[in-house]
């Protein structure tokens, strides 16, 4: 379970545990060659996995079992039959020990001070305070810096005013709810005060994994078209294999087994978890997903929202509001489908989802939740009242509305109504845009054994179908 603690305010999650309990174990037929006959006792080793794009390490356990000595080579065969190889995620990608921006002591979640207005300049200007100290011998520079800070604090554009109003409205809910969950995490030992050794360790900062998946999807637009009459809607992964790029980009790829499968793509190896499926493509090539057999009861969307930092960094492509509206949710959604959309802290995007996007898809907005990002010691990763970056992100939850509301049949399983203002608190993964898993926090609000889809996914999950141009990251 990824849920460490559940309170009325929300959930404290362990994202790393969720990944590692997903069953990243190879089936015996896919194992590496068995050890020599001299290995008569179980051994454990950690060979190099540098050729795997997914940042992982693994333990390998060999067991020979009972083998008759009269059969030469039987020990090797028996060892091969019981060989187990399991992959686990590299723990250091969750080593967030210190806030990305150091907050004043009063702003730790455990404290709960509400003096936001008096601290705004310090919280948002960690670098500005350092700049002031460095120029303390130059009176003119200090005066100029003070004037600039004063202008920035006193003049807000409409977007900034909207953001401040929204933050003021939800600040107390986030502060108190997060504090309660952190206290439980500290009591249980899941969270713990930072040690002297950890205080010297820099947070692992990781950007995009440069493996060219998005570029491949862009190139795929020039691939020769396939006759739809001959085209498969899905392909199965059998053994460790090299699947042609055109096949990966033109139909859904499935792993229906209880074991992890390995695929090769552009000289790299990728792990595909059990009971998962995916389509690697961009928004212009989503038709294979529509041709796939499934309608989905849960759809999670993490759109690449357009913003200034994305334009400057050129990390990944973004979509306009008009393009996001073209995503064919009505064609993918089952009746009463639960739709969850990740939204940046720009109020323009939040209003767009609630007032334009969901009505366009016939989705009724039900609730807003917040993902709160903390360190392993229970501090916000950014000061709560920072004007630069907030330590939380928004999720908008809604359900697809049918033209006629049919009553539940007696055989139907009743689910709880979606509550408002729930918190998901977790230590974030430092890999770019890896969101926490939602399936376990949604369990009470969906029927069992539902079909789940993630759009714009950057990783795979057991039991889910995932789509995006970086879906294998």
Protein backbone atom coordinates (compact mmCIF):
# COMPACT_ATOMS: atom_id res chain seq x y z
CA UNK A 1 0.00 0.00 0.00
CA UNK A 2 1.20 3.48 -0.78
CA UNK A 3 -1.14 4.98 1.86
CA UNK A 4 0.89 5.35 5.06
CA UNK A 5 -1.74 7.28 7.04
CA UNK A 6 -5.32 8.28 6.32
CA UNK A 7 -7.09 11.04 8.24
CA UNK A 8 -10.17 13.13 7.58
CA UNK A 9 -7.89 15.73 5.97
CA UNK A 10 -6.49 13.28 3.43
CA UNK A 11 -3.64 10.85 2.95
CA UNK A 12 0.10 10.61 3.57
CA UNK A 13 1.54 8.59 0.68
CA UNK A 14 4.73 6.61 0.08
CA UNK A 15 5.26 6.85 -3.68
CA UNK A 16 8.45 4.75 -3.58
CA UNK A 17 6.67 1.87 -1.85
CA UNK A 18 3.92 1.95 -4.47
CA UNK A 19 6.47 1.55 -7.28
CA UNK A 20 8.40 -1.24 -5.59
CA UNK A 21 5.30 -3.25 -4.69
CA UNK A 22 4.11 -3.18 -8.28
CA UNK A 23 5.76 -6.53 -8.95
CA UNK A 24 8.75 -5.70 -11.16
CA UNK A 25 9.84 -9.33 -11.31
CA UNK A 26 10.82 -11.11 -14.48
CA UNK A 27 9.20 -14.37 -15.37
CA UNK A 28 11.58 -17.40 -15.16
CA UNK A 29 11.73 -17.77 -18.94
CA UNK A 30 13.06 -14.21 -19.21
CA UNK A 31 15.80 -14.62 -16.61
CA UNK A 32 19.46 -14.17 -17.28
CA UNK A 33 21.56 -17.37 -17.65
CA UNK A 34 21.64 -19.56 -14.55
CA UNK A 35 24.68 -19.58 -12.25
CA UNK A 36 27.25 -22.32 -12.39
CA UNK A 37 26.72 -25.61 -10.57
CA UNK A 38 29.06 -24.46 -7.82
CA UNK A 39 26.35 -22.05 -6.59
CA UNK A 40 24.61 -24.50 -4.28
CA UNK A 41 23.25 -21.91 -1.82
CA UNK A 42 21.13 -18.86 -2.38
CA UNK A 43 23.23 -15.79 -3.17
CA UNK A 44 22.37 -12.16 -3.75
CA UNK A 45 24.07 -9.72 -6.06
CA UNK A 46 23.41 -6.35 -7.70
CA UNK A 47 24.73 -6.39 -11.27
CA UNK A 48 24.93 -3.16 -13.24
CA UNK A 49 21.78 -1.94 -14.99
CA UNK A 50 23.17 1.03 -16.82
CA UNK A 51 21.53 -0.06 -20.06
CA UNK A 52 18.05 0.37 -18.55
CA UNK A 53 16.52 3.78 -19.05
CA UNK A 54 14.22 3.37 -16.05
CA UNK A 55 16.40 4.38 -13.05
CA UNK A 56 16.45 1.12 -11.16
CA UNK A 57 18.54 -1.36 -9.28
CA UNK A 58 17.71 -4.99 -8.65
CA UNK A 59 18.50 -7.96 -6.46
CA UNK A 60 19.03 -11.35 -8.01
CA UNK A 61 18.42 -14.52 -6.02
CA UNK A 62 19.54 -17.94 -7.21
CA UNK A 63 18.33 -21.18 -5.69
CA UNK A 64 19.36 -24.69 -6.74
CA UNK A 65 16.85 -26.68 -4.69
CA UNK A 66 17.26 -30.48 -4.39
CA UNK A 67 19.09 -31.86 -7.39
CA UNK A 68 20.09 -35.52 -7.87
CA UNK A 69 23.87 -35.76 -8.16
CA UNK A 70 23.57 -38.40 -10.89
CA UNK A 71 22.31 -35.86 -13.41
CA UNK A 72 25.19 -33.79 -14.83
CA UNK A 73 24.15 -30.20 -15.37
CA UNK A 74 20.88 -30.64 -13.53
CA UNK A 75 21.97 -28.14 -10.89
CA UNK A 76 22.31 -25.48 -13.55
CA UNK A 77 18.88 -26.27 -15.02
CA UNK A 78 17.25 -26.34 -11.60
CA UNK A 79 18.87 -23.05 -10.70
CA UNK A 80 17.59 -21.52 -13.90
CA UNK A 81 14.07 -22.70 -13.10
CA UNK A 82 13.99 -21.01 -9.68
CA UNK A 83 16.00 -17.93 -10.56
CA UNK A 84 14.31 -14.72 -9.42
CA UNK A 85 15.17 -11.24 -10.55
CA UNK A 86 13.29 -8.27 -9.12
CA UNK A 87 13.76 -4.60 -9.94
CA UNK A 88 13.35 -1.81 -7.41
CA UNK A 89 13.36 1.94 -7.94
CA UNK A 90 16.45 3.89 -6.95
CA UNK A 91 15.69 5.29 -3.52
CA UNK A 92 17.83 8.41 -3.95
CA UNK A 93 15.26 9.86 -6.34
CA UNK A 94 13.08 10.40 -3.25
CA UNK A 95 15.92 11.79 -1.11
CA UNK A 96 14.39 15.21 -0.58
CA UNK A 97 15.84 16.04 2.83
CA UNK A 98 15.80 19.83 2.70
CA UNK A 99 13.41 22.42 1.27
CA UNK A 100 14.31 23.67 -2.19
CA UNK A 101 13.99 27.18 -0.75
CA UNK A 102 14.72 27.57 2.95
CA UNK A 103 11.69 28.91 4.79
CA UNK A 104 11.56 30.89 7.98
CA UNK A 105 11.17 28.60 11.04
CA UNK A 106 7.58 29.75 11.53
CA UNK A 107 6.59 28.31 8.17
CA UNK A 108 7.28 24.68 8.87
CA UNK A 109 4.01 22.71 8.62
CA UNK A 110 4.35 21.66 12.27
CA UNK A 111 4.20 25.27 13.47
CA UNK A 112 1.16 26.86 11.86
CA UNK A 113 1.85 30.60 11.99
CA UNK A 114 -0.56 32.65 9.88
CA UNK A 115 1.52 35.80 9.47
CA UNK A 116 1.69 35.41 5.71
CA UNK A 117 1.62 39.06 4.76
CA UNK A 118 4.54 40.11 6.96
CA UNK A 119 6.76 37.32 5.68
CA UNK A 120 5.96 37.44 1.97
CA UNK A 121 9.09 39.33 0.98
CA UNK A 122 11.43 36.96 2.81
CA UNK A 123 9.69 33.80 1.66
CA UNK A 124 9.66 34.63 -2.00
CA UNK A 125 13.04 36.27 -2.08
CA UNK A 126 15.57 33.92 -0.59
CA UNK A 127 17.97 34.99 -3.29
CA UNK A 128 17.05 38.65 -2.83
CA UNK A 129 18.06 38.60 0.83
CA UNK A 130 21.43 37.15 -0.12
CA UNK A 131 21.79 39.82 -2.79
CA UNK A 132 21.15 42.49 -0.17
CA UNK A 133 23.86 41.11 2.12
CA UNK A 134 26.39 40.89 -0.66
CA UNK A 135 25.89 44.55 -1.53
CA UNK A 136 25.69 45.90 2.03
CA UNK A 137 28.69 48.17 1.48
CA UNK A 138 27.05 49.93 -1.42
CA UNK A 139 24.28 52.19 -0.15
CA UNK A 140 22.93 53.01 -3.59
CA UNK A 141 22.61 49.34 -4.53
CA UNK A 142 20.78 48.53 -1.29
CA UNK A 143 18.37 51.45 -1.78
CA UNK A 144 17.73 50.37 -5.37
CA UNK A 145 17.10 46.78 -4.32
CA UNK A 146 14.64 47.94 -1.66
CA UNK A 147 12.77 50.06 -4.18
CA UNK A 148 12.53 47.15 -6.59
CA UNK A 149 11.23 44.87 -3.86
CA UNK A 150 8.71 47.49 -2.82
CA UNK A 151 7.43 47.87 -6.37
CA UNK A 152 7.15 44.12 -6.80
CA UNK A 153 5.20 43.74 -3.56
CA UNK A 154 2.84 46.63 -4.23
CA UNK A 155 2.02 46.13 -7.92
CA UNK A 156 0.29 42.90 -8.94
CA UNK A 157 -1.21 42.01 -12.25
CA UNK A 158 -4.63 40.38 -12.42
CA UNK A 159 -3.22 36.86 -12.49
CA UNK A 160 -1.15 37.49 -9.37
CA UNK A 161 -4.14 39.00 -7.56
CA UNK A 162 -6.26 35.96 -8.48
CA UNK A 163 -3.53 33.60 -7.28
CA UNK A 164 -3.20 35.45 -3.96
CA UNK A 165 -6.95 35.39 -3.43
CA UNK A 166 -7.10 31.63 -4.11
CA UNK A 167 -4.12 30.93 -1.85
CA UNK A 168 -5.65 32.95 0.97
CA UNK A 169 -8.83 30.90 0.67
CA UNK A 170 -7.17 27.47 0.88
CA UNK A 171 -4.10 28.29 3.00
CA UNK A 172 -5.62 27.30 6.34
CA UNK A 173 -6.95 23.99 4.99
CA UNK A 174 -3.56 23.04 3.57
CA UNK A 175 -1.61 24.14 6.64
CA UNK A 176 -3.75 22.39 9.25
CA UNK A 177 -4.41 19.24 7.22
CA UNK A 178 -0.77 18.81 6.29
CA UNK A 179 0.34 19.36 9.88
CA UNK A 180 -1.95 16.60 11.15
CA UNK A 181 -0.70 14.12 8.54
CA UNK A 182 2.94 15.03 9.18
CA UNK A 183 2.49 14.50 12.91
CA UNK A 184 1.23 10.98 12.22
CA UNK A 185 4.16 10.36 9.89
CA UNK A 186 6.65 11.51 12.54
CA UNK A 187 5.01 9.34 15.21
CA UNK A 188 5.16 6.23 13.03
CA UNK A 189 8.74 6.89 11.90
CA UNK A 190 7.88 7.21 8.21
CA UNK A 191 9.00 10.83 8.47
CA UNK A 192 11.91 11.73 10.71
CA UNK A 193 14.02 14.77 11.63
CA UNK A 194 16.96 15.31 9.31
CA UNK A 195 20.24 13.84 10.54
CA UNK A 196 23.59 15.62 10.51
CA UNK A 197 24.72 13.35 7.66
CA UNK A 198 21.59 14.05 5.62
CA UNK A 199 21.91 17.79 6.18
CA UNK A 200 25.14 17.68 4.17
CA UNK A 201 23.54 15.84 1.25
CA UNK A 202 22.20 17.89 -1.62
CA UNK A 203 18.74 17.04 -2.90
CA UNK A 204 18.90 14.96 -6.06
CA UNK A 205 17.85 17.33 -8.84
CA UNK A 206 16.89 15.54 -12.01
CA UNK A 207 15.44 17.02 -15.14
CA UNK A 208 14.24 15.20 -18.20
CA UNK A 209 15.62 11.76 -19.01
CA UNK A 210 17.03 12.34 -22.46
CA UNK A 211 15.96 9.23 -24.32
CA UNK A 212 14.28 10.84 -27.34
CA UNK A 213 10.78 9.39 -26.97
CA UNK A 214 9.04 12.66 -27.78
CA UNK A 215 11.31 13.16 -30.76
CA UNK A 216 10.49 9.65 -31.97
CA UNK A 217 6.77 10.43 -31.81
CA UNK A 218 7.37 13.57 -33.84
CA UNK A 219 9.28 11.56 -36.45
CA UNK A 220 6.47 9.00 -36.57
CA UNK A 221 4.28 11.50 -38.39
CA UNK A 222 6.44 10.80 -41.44
CA UNK A 223 6.06 7.01 -41.21
CA UNK A 224 4.07 5.44 -44.05
CA UNK A 225 0.41 5.04 -43.13
CA UNK A 226 -0.91 1.58 -42.36
CA UNK A 227 -4.02 0.17 -44.00
CA UNK A 228 -6.65 0.26 -41.24
CA UNK A 229 -8.19 -2.98 -42.41
CA UNK A 230 -4.92 -4.82 -41.76
CA UNK A 231 -3.95 -2.88 -38.67
CA UNK A 232 -4.02 -4.48 -35.21
CA UNK A 233 -5.61 -2.59 -32.33
CA UNK A 234 -3.24 -4.22 -29.82
CA UNK A 235 -0.10 -6.32 -29.63
CA UNK A 236 1.10 -8.58 -26.83
CA UNK A 237 4.60 -8.66 -25.40
CA UNK A 238 5.83 -12.24 -25.35
CA UNK A 239 9.46 -12.50 -24.31
CA UNK A 240 12.19 -9.88 -24.08
CA UNK A 241 11.99 -8.53 -27.58
CA UNK A 242 12.78 -5.69 -29.87
CA UNK A 243 9.46 -4.28 -31.13
CA UNK A 244 9.67 -2.15 -34.28
CA UNK A 245 9.13 1.53 -33.58
CA UNK A 246 6.24 1.69 -36.03
CA UNK A 247 4.38 -1.04 -34.12
CA UNK A 248 4.82 0.72 -30.78
CA UNK A 249 3.51 3.95 -32.28
CA UNK A 250 0.60 2.50 -34.22
CA UNK A 251 -1.22 0.27 -31.72
CA UNK A 252 -1.62 -0.36 -27.99
CA UNK A 253 1.04 -2.63 -26.48
CA UNK A 254 -0.10 -5.01 -23.72
CA UNK A 255 1.57 -7.01 -20.97
CA UNK A 256 -1.21 -9.31 -19.76
CA UNK A 257 1.03 -11.50 -17.61
CA UNK A 258 1.77 -11.33 -13.88
CA UNK A 259 5.43 -10.61 -14.59
CA UNK A 260 7.40 -7.66 -15.83
CA UNK A 261 8.37 -7.70 -19.50
CA UNK A 262 11.31 -6.00 -21.20
CA UNK A 263 11.14 -4.24 -24.53
CA UNK A 264 13.96 -2.73 -26.58
CA UNK A 265 13.57 0.65 -28.23
CA UNK A 266 16.25 2.82 -29.83
CA UNK A 267 19.05 0.87 -28.16
CA UNK A 268 17.50 1.10 -24.68
CA UNK A 269 15.63 -1.38 -22.50
CA UNK A 270 12.33 -0.53 -20.81
CA UNK A 271 10.45 -2.38 -18.09
CA UNK A 272 6.72 -2.92 -18.66
CA UNK A 273 4.95 -3.78 -15.39
CA UNK A 274 2.41 -6.62 -15.09
CA UNK A 275 -1.15 -6.19 -16.32
CA UNK A 276 -0.38 -2.88 -18.02
CA UNK A 277 -0.79 -1.48 -21.52
CA UNK A 278 0.37 1.66 -23.28
CA UNK A 279 0.37 3.66 -26.47
CA UNK A 280 3.46 5.70 -27.31
CA UNK A 281 2.32 8.66 -29.44
CA UNK A 282 1.53 12.35 -29.37
CA UNK A 283 -1.82 14.10 -29.61
CA UNK A 284 -1.88 13.87 -33.40
CA UNK A 285 -1.72 10.05 -33.31
CA UNK A 286 -4.22 9.17 -30.59
CA UNK A 287 -6.53 7.21 -32.92
CA UNK A 288 -5.09 3.77 -31.98
CA UNK A 289 -6.24 4.40 -28.41
CA UNK A 290 -9.74 5.12 -29.70
CA UNK A 291 -9.63 1.90 -31.74
CA UNK A 292 -8.71 -0.05 -28.61
CA UNK A 293 -11.45 -2.18 -27.08
CA UNK A 294 -11.83 -0.41 -23.75
CA UNK A 295 -13.94 2.35 -22.26
CA UNK A 296 -12.56 3.68 -19.01
CA UNK A 297 -14.09 4.21 -15.56
CA UNK A 298 -11.23 6.42 -14.34
CA UNK A 299 -9.29 8.85 -16.52
CA UNK A 300 -6.38 10.83 -15.07
CA UNK A 301 -5.05 13.70 -17.20
CA UNK A 302 -1.77 15.56 -16.69
CA UNK A 303 -1.76 18.06 -19.56
CA UNK A 304 1.43 19.89 -20.59
CA UNK A 305 0.06 23.32 -19.66
CA UNK A 306 1.40 26.34 -21.46
CA UNK A 307 3.42 28.69 -19.25
CA UNK A 308 6.40 31.03 -19.43
CA UNK A 309 8.91 28.70 -17.76
CA UNK A 310 8.12 25.92 -20.24
CA UNK A 311 8.66 28.32 -23.14
CA UNK A 312 11.99 29.50 -21.74
CA UNK A 313 13.37 26.07 -20.83
CA UNK A 314 12.05 24.25 -23.92
CA UNK A 315 11.96 21.08 -21.80
CA UNK A 316 8.86 19.65 -23.39
CA UNK A 317 6.13 20.72 -25.75
CA UNK A 318 2.98 22.32 -24.43
CA UNK A 319 -0.62 22.39 -25.65
CA UNK A 320 -2.93 25.34 -25.99
CA UNK A 321 -6.32 25.36 -24.29
CA UNK A 322 -7.96 24.72 -27.66
CA UNK A 323 -5.80 21.61 -28.22
CA UNK A 324 -6.58 20.24 -24.77
CA UNK A 325 -10.31 20.59 -25.49
CA UNK A 326 -9.86 18.33 -28.53
CA UNK A 327 -8.85 15.36 -26.37
CA UNK A 328 -11.68 12.86 -27.04
CA UNK A 329 -12.73 12.19 -23.44
CA UNK A 330 -16.38 11.47 -24.37
CA UNK A 331 -15.21 8.71 -26.72
CA UNK A 332 -12.92 7.18 -24.07
CA UNK A 333 -15.10 7.47 -20.98
CA UNK A 334 -17.51 4.86 -19.66
CA UNK A 335 -20.79 6.03 -18.07
CA UNK A 336 -20.16 7.92 -14.80
CA UNK A 337 -16.42 7.92 -15.51
CA UNK A 338 -14.37 9.73 -12.87
CA UNK A 339 -12.14 12.34 -14.52
CA UNK A 340 -9.17 13.75 -12.60
CA UNK A 341 -7.13 16.60 -14.10
CA UNK A 342 -3.83 17.93 -12.75
CA UNK A 343 -3.75 21.73 -12.92
CA UNK A 344 -0.91 24.17 -12.37
CA UNK A 345 -1.31 26.97 -9.83
CA UNK A 346 -2.28 29.48 -12.52
CA UNK A 347 -5.86 30.53 -11.87
CA UNK A 348 -6.37 30.93 -15.60
CA UNK A 349 -5.90 27.17 -16.06
CA UNK A 350 -8.08 26.28 -13.07
CA UNK A 351 -10.95 28.42 -14.33
CA UNK A 352 -10.53 26.96 -17.83
CA UNK A 353 -10.89 23.39 -16.52
CA UNK A 354 -13.96 24.12 -14.41
CA UNK A 355 -15.77 26.58 -16.66
CA UNK A 356 -14.84 25.47 -20.19
CA UNK A 357 -13.06 22.12 -20.41
CA UNK A 358 -15.28 19.98 -18.19
CA UNK A 359 -18.56 21.38 -19.59
CA UNK A 360 -17.20 20.76 -23.11
CA UNK A 361 -16.65 17.10 -22.14
CA UNK A 362 -20.00 16.84 -20.28
CA UNK A 363 -18.11 16.42 -17.02
CA UNK A 364 -19.55 17.86 -13.81
CA UNK A 365 -16.96 19.32 -11.42
CA UNK A 366 -17.23 17.68 -7.99
CA UNK A 367 -14.18 18.66 -5.96
CA UNK A 368 -10.74 20.22 -5.79
CA UNK A 369 -7.95 18.29 -4.06
CA UNK A 370 -4.38 19.37 -3.44
CA UNK A 371 -1.10 17.48 -3.64
CA UNK A 372 1.22 18.89 -0.96
CA UNK A 373 4.95 18.25 -1.46
CA UNK A 374 7.10 17.82 1.65
CA UNK A 375 10.63 16.76 2.59
CA UNK A 376 11.45 13.56 4.44
CA UNK A 377 11.59 15.59 7.65
CA UNK A 378 8.10 17.03 7.14
CA UNK A 379 8.80 20.52 5.81
CA UNK A 380 7.19 22.10 2.77
CA UNK A 381 9.52 21.87 -0.25
CA UNK A 382 8.76 25.55 -0.91
CA UNK A 383 7.58 28.12 1.63
CA UNK A 384 3.80 27.95 1.85
CA UNK A 385 3.42 31.68 1.23
CA UNK A 386 6.09 32.03 -1.43
CA UNK A 387 5.04 34.17 -4.37
CA UNK A 388 7.46 32.26 -6.63
CA UNK A 389 6.40 28.63 -6.25
CA UNK A 390 3.85 26.96 -4.05
CA UNK A 391 4.44 23.58 -2.36
CA UNK A 392 1.12 22.27 -3.68
CA UNK A 393 -0.63 21.45 -6.95
CA UNK A 394 -4.35 21.21 -7.71
CA UNK A 395 -6.44 18.26 -8.86
CA UNK A 396 -9.94 18.84 -10.24
CA UNK A 397 -12.26 15.83 -9.93
CA UNK A 398 -15.47 15.39 -11.87
CA UNK A 399 -17.78 12.77 -13.33
CA UNK A 400 -19.08 12.30 -16.85
CA UNK A 401 -22.76 13.19 -16.90
CA UNK A 402 -25.23 10.96 -18.70
CA UNK A 403 -28.26 12.37 -20.47
CA UNK A 404 -30.50 10.31 -18.14
CA UNK A 405 -29.51 9.48 -14.58
CA UNK A 406 -30.30 5.80 -14.18
CA UNK A 407 -30.82 4.46 -10.64
CA UNK A 408 -28.30 1.97 -9.32
CA UNK A 409 -29.31 -1.64 -9.74
CA UNK A 410 -29.27 -3.81 -6.63
CA UNK A 411 -26.25 -5.64 -8.00
CA UNK A 412 -24.31 -2.40 -8.41
CA UNK A 413 -21.73 -1.50 -5.78
CA UNK A 414 -22.45 1.86 -4.22
CA UNK A 415 -19.49 4.23 -3.93
CA UNK A 416 -19.00 7.20 -1.65
CA UNK A 417 -19.55 10.71 -3.02
CA UNK A 418 -16.38 12.65 -3.86
CA UNK A 419 -15.50 14.94 -0.90
CA UNK A 420 -14.02 18.39 -1.42
CA UNK A 421 -10.67 19.76 -0.20
CA UNK A 422 -8.81 16.48 0.38
CA UNK A 423 -5.01 16.54 0.68
CA UNK A 424 -2.48 14.12 -0.78
CA UNK A 425 0.79 14.65 1.10
CA UNK A 426 3.99 13.00 -0.08
CA UNK A 427 7.72 13.34 -0.69
CA UNK A 428 7.94 14.12 -4.43
CA UNK A 429 10.02 12.17 -6.90
CA UNK A 430 12.79 14.36 -8.32
CA UNK A 431 12.26 13.02 -11.83
CA UNK A 432 10.43 15.60 -13.90
CA UNK A 433 6.63 15.64 -13.51
CA UNK A 434 6.26 12.30 -11.72
CA UNK A 435 2.95 12.63 -9.90
CA UNK A 436 1.97 10.47 -6.90
CA UNK A 437 -0.22 7.40 -7.54
CA UNK A 438 -3.94 8.02 -7.16
CA UNK A 439 -5.52 4.57 -7.38
CA UNK A 440 -5.39 3.81 -3.65
CA UNK A 441 -6.78 7.19 -2.58
CA UNK A 442 -9.62 6.83 -5.10
CA UNK A 443 -10.59 3.32 -3.99
CA UNK A 444 -13.54 4.45 -1.85
CA UNK A 445 -14.98 6.50 -4.70
CA UNK A 446 -14.85 3.99 -7.56
CA UNK A 447 -16.16 0.50 -8.15
CA UNK A 448 -13.79 -2.48 -7.85
CA UNK A 449 -11.96 -3.82 -10.89
CA UNK A 450 -12.42 -0.66 -12.95
CA UNK A 451 -10.62 0.20 -16.17
CA UNK A 452 -8.15 3.05 -15.62
CA UNK A 453 -6.46 5.32 -18.17
CA UNK A 454 -3.77 7.97 -17.73
CA UNK A 455 -3.29 10.57 -20.45
CA UNK A 456 0.04 12.37 -20.92
CA UNK A 457 1.58 9.71 -18.69
CA UNK A 458 5.32 9.63 -18.05
CA UNK A 459 5.39 6.20 -16.43
CA UNK A 460 3.47 2.92 -16.49
CA UNK A 461 1.31 1.46 -13.72
CA UNK A 462 0.09 -2.12 -13.19
CA UNK A 463 -3.56 -2.43 -14.15
CA UNK A 464 -3.61 0.84 -16.12
CA UNK A 465 -3.56 1.86 -19.75
CA UNK A 466 -1.18 4.79 -20.29
CA UNK A 467 -0.83 7.15 -23.24
CA UNK A 468 1.65 9.88 -24.08
CA UNK A 469 4.75 10.71 -26.06
CA UNK A 470 6.95 10.01 -23.00
CA UNK A 471 4.90 7.19 -21.59
CA UNK A 472 7.90 4.86 -21.03
CA UNK A 473 9.96 7.27 -18.93
